[in-house]
Every structure is written in structure tokens, then in C-alpha cells.
Amino acid sequence: MKGFIEYLVQAVVDLPEEVRVDEEPGEVATTYRVHVAPSDLGKAIGKQGRIANAMRVLAKASAMKHKRRVYLEVVGEPADAHVSE
């Protein structure tokens, strides 16, 4: 599932090498946090959230085959971009 979500996001952004997907499994549902470059945030979300919602629908439909629930969050910075001062 993580690879599928990463593939979907990489298809819509300008910097696909900056895409990172973090998986947080839970008892009932798994949360996927999608990190993209700040310049690609608008493309990953889309107008009025349409792209992000479409990715959520595809992820949820895929997860239904395994009787799991998934949540998808789009975050504006790559996972490794945290800079400490």
C-alpha cells in the first residue's frame, strides 16, 4: 500500500524524488503521511483538495480488499527536512 500511495503522489508532483511516505500502523487503521517538497504542496492537494481526495478514495478502495482502514495526510515538507538549530 505504501508503494502504491508513493506512486500516486509521484505522478502528480514536479519533484518526485522528494516524495516520502511514512506509515503508522494501528489496530484498526493505518495512517499514511505523505511528505512533499513545499513547492509541490499545491499540486499534491489540488484545487479544493480534489487530488488529495482522489488519492484517499483510491487508497481506501485498495485497503477494502484487506478489510483495513487507511487515512492519508499530505504534509508540506519532506520527512528529512527538519533542521535543528
N, C-alpha and C. Protein backbone atom coordinates (compact mmCIF):
# COMPACT_ATOMS: atom_id res chain seq x y z
N MET A 1 0.83 -1.19 0.00
CA MET A 1 0.00 0.00 0.00
C MET A 1 0.88 1.26 0.00
N LYS A 2 1.94 1.24 0.78
CA LYS A 2 2.84 2.39 0.86
C LYS A 2 3.42 2.71 -0.52
N GLY A 3 3.85 1.70 -1.25
CA GLY A 3 4.39 1.89 -2.59
C GLY A 3 3.36 2.44 -3.56
N PHE A 4 2.12 1.97 -3.41
CA PHE A 4 1.03 2.44 -4.27
C PHE A 4 0.78 3.93 -4.04
N ILE A 5 0.73 4.35 -2.78
CA ILE A 5 0.50 5.75 -2.46
C ILE A 5 1.66 6.61 -2.96
N GLU A 6 2.88 6.12 -2.77
CA GLU A 6 4.06 6.84 -3.25
C GLU A 6 4.01 7.01 -4.76
N TYR A 7 3.60 5.97 -5.47
CA TYR A 7 3.47 6.03 -6.93
C TYR A 7 2.44 7.08 -7.35
N LEU A 8 1.30 7.12 -6.67
CA LEU A 8 0.25 8.08 -7.00
C LEU A 8 0.75 9.52 -6.82
N VAL A 9 1.41 9.77 -5.71
CA VAL A 9 1.87 11.14 -5.43
C VAL A 9 2.97 11.55 -6.40
N GLN A 10 3.90 10.65 -6.68
CA GLN A 10 5.00 10.97 -7.58
C GLN A 10 4.50 11.32 -8.98
N ALA A 11 3.34 10.80 -9.35
CA ALA A 11 2.79 11.07 -10.67
C ALA A 11 2.26 12.49 -10.83
N VAL A 12 1.96 13.17 -9.72
CA VAL A 12 1.35 14.50 -9.83
C VAL A 12 2.28 15.65 -9.43
N VAL A 13 3.44 15.36 -8.87
CA VAL A 13 4.33 16.44 -8.41
C VAL A 13 5.47 16.67 -9.40
N ASP A 14 6.13 17.83 -9.27
CA ASP A 14 7.27 18.17 -10.13
C ASP A 14 8.58 17.54 -9.63
N LEU A 15 8.68 17.31 -8.33
CA LEU A 15 9.90 16.75 -7.74
C LEU A 15 9.59 15.39 -7.11
N PRO A 16 9.44 14.35 -7.92
CA PRO A 16 9.05 13.04 -7.37
C PRO A 16 10.10 12.44 -6.44
N GLU A 17 11.36 12.86 -6.58
CA GLU A 17 12.40 12.32 -5.70
C GLU A 17 12.27 12.85 -4.27
N GLU A 18 11.49 13.91 -4.07
CA GLU A 18 11.29 14.49 -2.74
C GLU A 18 10.11 13.86 -1.99
N VAL A 19 9.39 12.96 -2.63
CA VAL A 19 8.21 12.35 -2.01
C VAL A 19 8.64 11.28 -1.01
N ARG A 20 8.10 11.37 0.20
CA ARG A 20 8.33 10.36 1.23
C ARG A 20 6.98 10.00 1.83
N VAL A 21 6.79 8.72 2.11
CA VAL A 21 5.55 8.25 2.73
C VAL A 21 5.90 7.56 4.03
N ASP A 22 5.34 8.06 5.13
CA ASP A 22 5.51 7.44 6.44
C ASP A 22 4.27 6.64 6.77
N GLU A 23 4.47 5.43 7.25
CA GLU A 23 3.37 4.54 7.58
C GLU A 23 3.29 4.37 9.09
N GLU A 24 2.11 4.63 9.65
CA GLU A 24 1.89 4.46 11.08
C GLU A 24 0.76 3.45 11.28
N PRO A 25 1.10 2.17 11.49
CA PRO A 25 0.06 1.17 11.65
C PRO A 25 -0.65 1.30 12.99
N GLY A 26 -1.91 0.96 12.98
CA GLY A 26 -2.71 0.94 14.20
C GLY A 26 -3.50 -0.35 14.25
N GLU A 27 -4.27 -0.53 15.30
CA GLU A 27 -5.05 -1.75 15.43
C GLU A 27 -6.13 -1.87 14.37
N VAL A 28 -6.81 -0.77 14.12
CA VAL A 28 -7.92 -0.78 13.17
C VAL A 28 -7.56 -0.13 11.85
N ALA A 29 -6.78 0.94 11.91
CA ALA A 29 -6.47 1.71 10.70
C ALA A 29 -4.98 2.02 10.62
N THR A 30 -4.53 2.27 9.40
CA THR A 30 -3.15 2.68 9.15
C THR A 30 -3.17 4.09 8.60
N THR A 31 -2.32 4.94 9.16
CA THR A 31 -2.22 6.32 8.70
C THR A 31 -0.97 6.47 7.85
N TYR A 32 -1.14 7.05 6.69
CA TYR A 32 -0.02 7.33 5.79
C TYR A 32 0.17 8.84 5.72
N ARG A 33 1.36 9.30 6.05
CA ARG A 33 1.68 10.72 5.94
C ARG A 33 2.58 10.90 4.72
N VAL A 34 2.10 11.69 3.78
CA VAL A 34 2.82 11.93 2.54
C VAL A 34 3.56 13.26 2.66
N HIS A 35 4.88 13.21 2.56
CA HIS A 35 5.71 14.40 2.63
C HIS A 35 6.14 14.77 1.21
N VAL A 36 5.90 16.02 0.84
CA VAL A 36 6.30 16.51 -0.48
C VAL A 36 7.09 17.80 -0.30
N ALA A 37 7.79 18.21 -1.34
CA ALA A 37 8.51 19.48 -1.31
C ALA A 37 7.50 20.61 -1.16
N PRO A 38 7.87 21.68 -0.44
CA PRO A 38 6.93 22.80 -0.25
C PRO A 38 6.39 23.36 -1.57
N SER A 39 7.20 23.35 -2.62
CA SER A 39 6.75 23.87 -3.90
C SER A 39 5.72 22.95 -4.57
N ASP A 40 5.65 21.70 -4.14
CA ASP A 40 4.70 20.74 -4.72
C ASP A 40 3.44 20.54 -3.88
N LEU A 41 3.35 21.23 -2.78
CA LEU A 41 2.20 21.03 -1.89
C LEU A 41 0.88 21.30 -2.60
N GLY A 42 0.81 22.38 -3.36
CA GLY A 42 -0.42 22.71 -4.08
C GLY A 42 -0.79 21.65 -5.10
N LYS A 43 0.19 21.08 -5.76
CA LYS A 43 -0.09 20.04 -6.75
C LYS A 43 -0.55 18.75 -6.09
N ALA A 44 0.01 18.43 -4.93
CA ALA A 44 -0.37 17.20 -4.24
C ALA A 44 -1.77 17.30 -3.65
N ILE A 45 -2.18 18.52 -3.28
CA ILE A 45 -3.51 18.70 -2.70
C ILE A 45 -4.54 18.97 -3.79
N GLY A 46 -4.19 19.81 -4.75
CA GLY A 46 -5.12 20.13 -5.84
C GLY A 46 -6.10 21.22 -5.44
N LYS A 47 -6.82 21.73 -6.43
CA LYS A 47 -7.81 22.76 -6.16
C LYS A 47 -8.92 22.18 -5.29
N GLN A 48 -9.20 22.87 -4.20
CA GLN A 48 -10.22 22.46 -3.23
C GLN A 48 -9.99 21.04 -2.73
N GLY A 49 -8.74 20.58 -2.75
CA GLY A 49 -8.41 19.26 -2.21
C GLY A 49 -8.81 18.09 -3.08
N ARG A 50 -9.07 18.33 -4.35
CA ARG A 50 -9.57 17.27 -5.22
C ARG A 50 -8.54 16.16 -5.47
N ILE A 51 -7.28 16.52 -5.67
CA ILE A 51 -6.25 15.50 -5.92
C ILE A 51 -6.05 14.65 -4.67
N ALA A 52 -5.93 15.30 -3.51
CA ALA A 52 -5.76 14.57 -2.25
C ALA A 52 -6.96 13.66 -1.97
N ASN A 53 -8.15 14.15 -2.22
CA ASN A 53 -9.34 13.33 -2.01
C ASN A 53 -9.38 12.15 -2.96
N ALA A 54 -8.96 12.35 -4.20
CA ALA A 54 -8.93 11.25 -5.16
C ALA A 54 -7.93 10.18 -4.72
N MET A 55 -6.77 10.61 -4.20
CA MET A 55 -5.79 9.65 -3.71
C MET A 55 -6.34 8.90 -2.50
N ARG A 56 -7.08 9.59 -1.64
CA ARG A 56 -7.71 8.93 -0.48
C ARG A 56 -8.71 7.87 -0.92
N VAL A 57 -9.51 8.20 -1.92
CA VAL A 57 -10.51 7.25 -2.42
C VAL A 57 -9.83 6.00 -2.97
N LEU A 58 -8.77 6.18 -3.75
CA LEU A 58 -8.05 5.03 -4.31
C LEU A 58 -7.40 4.20 -3.21
N ALA A 59 -6.80 4.85 -2.22
CA ALA A 59 -6.17 4.12 -1.12
C ALA A 59 -7.21 3.36 -0.30
N LYS A 60 -8.35 3.98 -0.03
CA LYS A 60 -9.39 3.31 0.75
C LYS A 60 -9.99 2.14 -0.02
N ALA A 61 -10.17 2.30 -1.33
CA ALA A 61 -10.71 1.20 -2.14
C ALA A 61 -9.74 0.02 -2.16
N SER A 62 -8.46 0.31 -2.25
CA SER A 62 -7.46 -0.75 -2.23
C SER A 62 -7.40 -1.44 -0.87
N ALA A 63 -7.55 -0.67 0.20
CA ALA A 63 -7.49 -1.23 1.55
C ALA A 63 -8.73 -2.07 1.87
N MET A 64 -9.83 -1.79 1.22
CA MET A 64 -11.05 -2.55 1.49
C MET A 64 -10.89 -4.03 1.15
N LYS A 65 -10.03 -4.33 0.19
CA LYS A 65 -9.79 -5.72 -0.18
C LYS A 65 -9.21 -6.51 1.00
N HIS A 66 -8.46 -5.80 1.85
CA HIS A 66 -7.82 -6.44 3.01
C HIS A 66 -8.58 -6.16 4.30
N LYS A 67 -9.78 -5.58 4.17
CA LYS A 67 -10.62 -5.24 5.31
C LYS A 67 -9.88 -4.38 6.33
N ARG A 68 -9.19 -3.38 5.82
CA ARG A 68 -8.46 -2.43 6.64
C ARG A 68 -8.98 -1.03 6.36
N ARG A 69 -8.68 -0.12 7.26
CA ARG A 69 -8.98 1.29 7.06
C ARG A 69 -7.67 2.03 6.91
N VAL A 70 -7.68 3.02 6.04
CA VAL A 70 -6.48 3.83 5.85
C VAL A 70 -6.86 5.30 5.91
N TYR A 71 -5.91 6.09 6.38
CA TYR A 71 -6.03 7.53 6.38
C TYR A 71 -4.82 8.08 5.66
N LEU A 72 -5.03 9.13 4.89
CA LEU A 72 -3.97 9.71 4.09
C LEU A 72 -3.88 11.20 4.40
N GLU A 73 -2.70 11.64 4.83
CA GLU A 73 -2.46 13.05 5.12
C GLU A 73 -1.33 13.55 4.23
N VAL A 74 -1.50 14.74 3.67
CA VAL A 74 -0.46 15.35 2.84
C VAL A 74 0.22 16.44 3.66
N VAL A 75 1.55 16.32 3.79
CA VAL A 75 2.35 17.24 4.59
C VAL A 75 3.26 18.01 3.65
N GLY A 76 3.51 19.29 3.96
CA GLY A 76 4.23 20.16 3.04
C GLY A 76 5.73 20.11 3.04
N GLU A 77 6.37 19.27 3.80
CA GLU A 77 7.82 19.23 3.78
C GLU A 77 8.30 17.78 3.80
N PRO A 78 9.42 17.51 3.18
CA PRO A 78 9.95 16.15 3.21
C PRO A 78 10.27 15.71 4.63
N ALA A 79 10.25 14.42 4.88
CA ALA A 79 10.47 13.88 6.22
C ALA A 79 11.86 14.21 6.74
N ASP A 80 12.84 14.33 5.86
CA ASP A 80 14.22 14.57 6.29
C ASP A 80 14.60 16.05 6.25
N ALA A 81 13.62 16.95 6.18
CA ALA A 81 13.91 18.37 6.05
C ALA A 81 13.95 19.10 7.38
N HIS A 82 13.78 18.39 8.48
CA HIS A 82 13.81 19.04 9.79
C HIS A 82 15.24 19.48 10.11
N VAL A 83 15.38 20.75 10.36
CA VAL A 83 16.69 21.32 10.64
C VAL A 83 16.69 21.81 12.09
N SER A 84 17.64 21.35 12.87
CA SER A 84 17.74 21.79 14.25
C SER A 84 18.78 22.90 14.37
N GLU A 85 18.50 23.86 15.21
CA GLU A 85 19.42 24.98 15.38
C GLU A 85 20.15 24.87 16.69
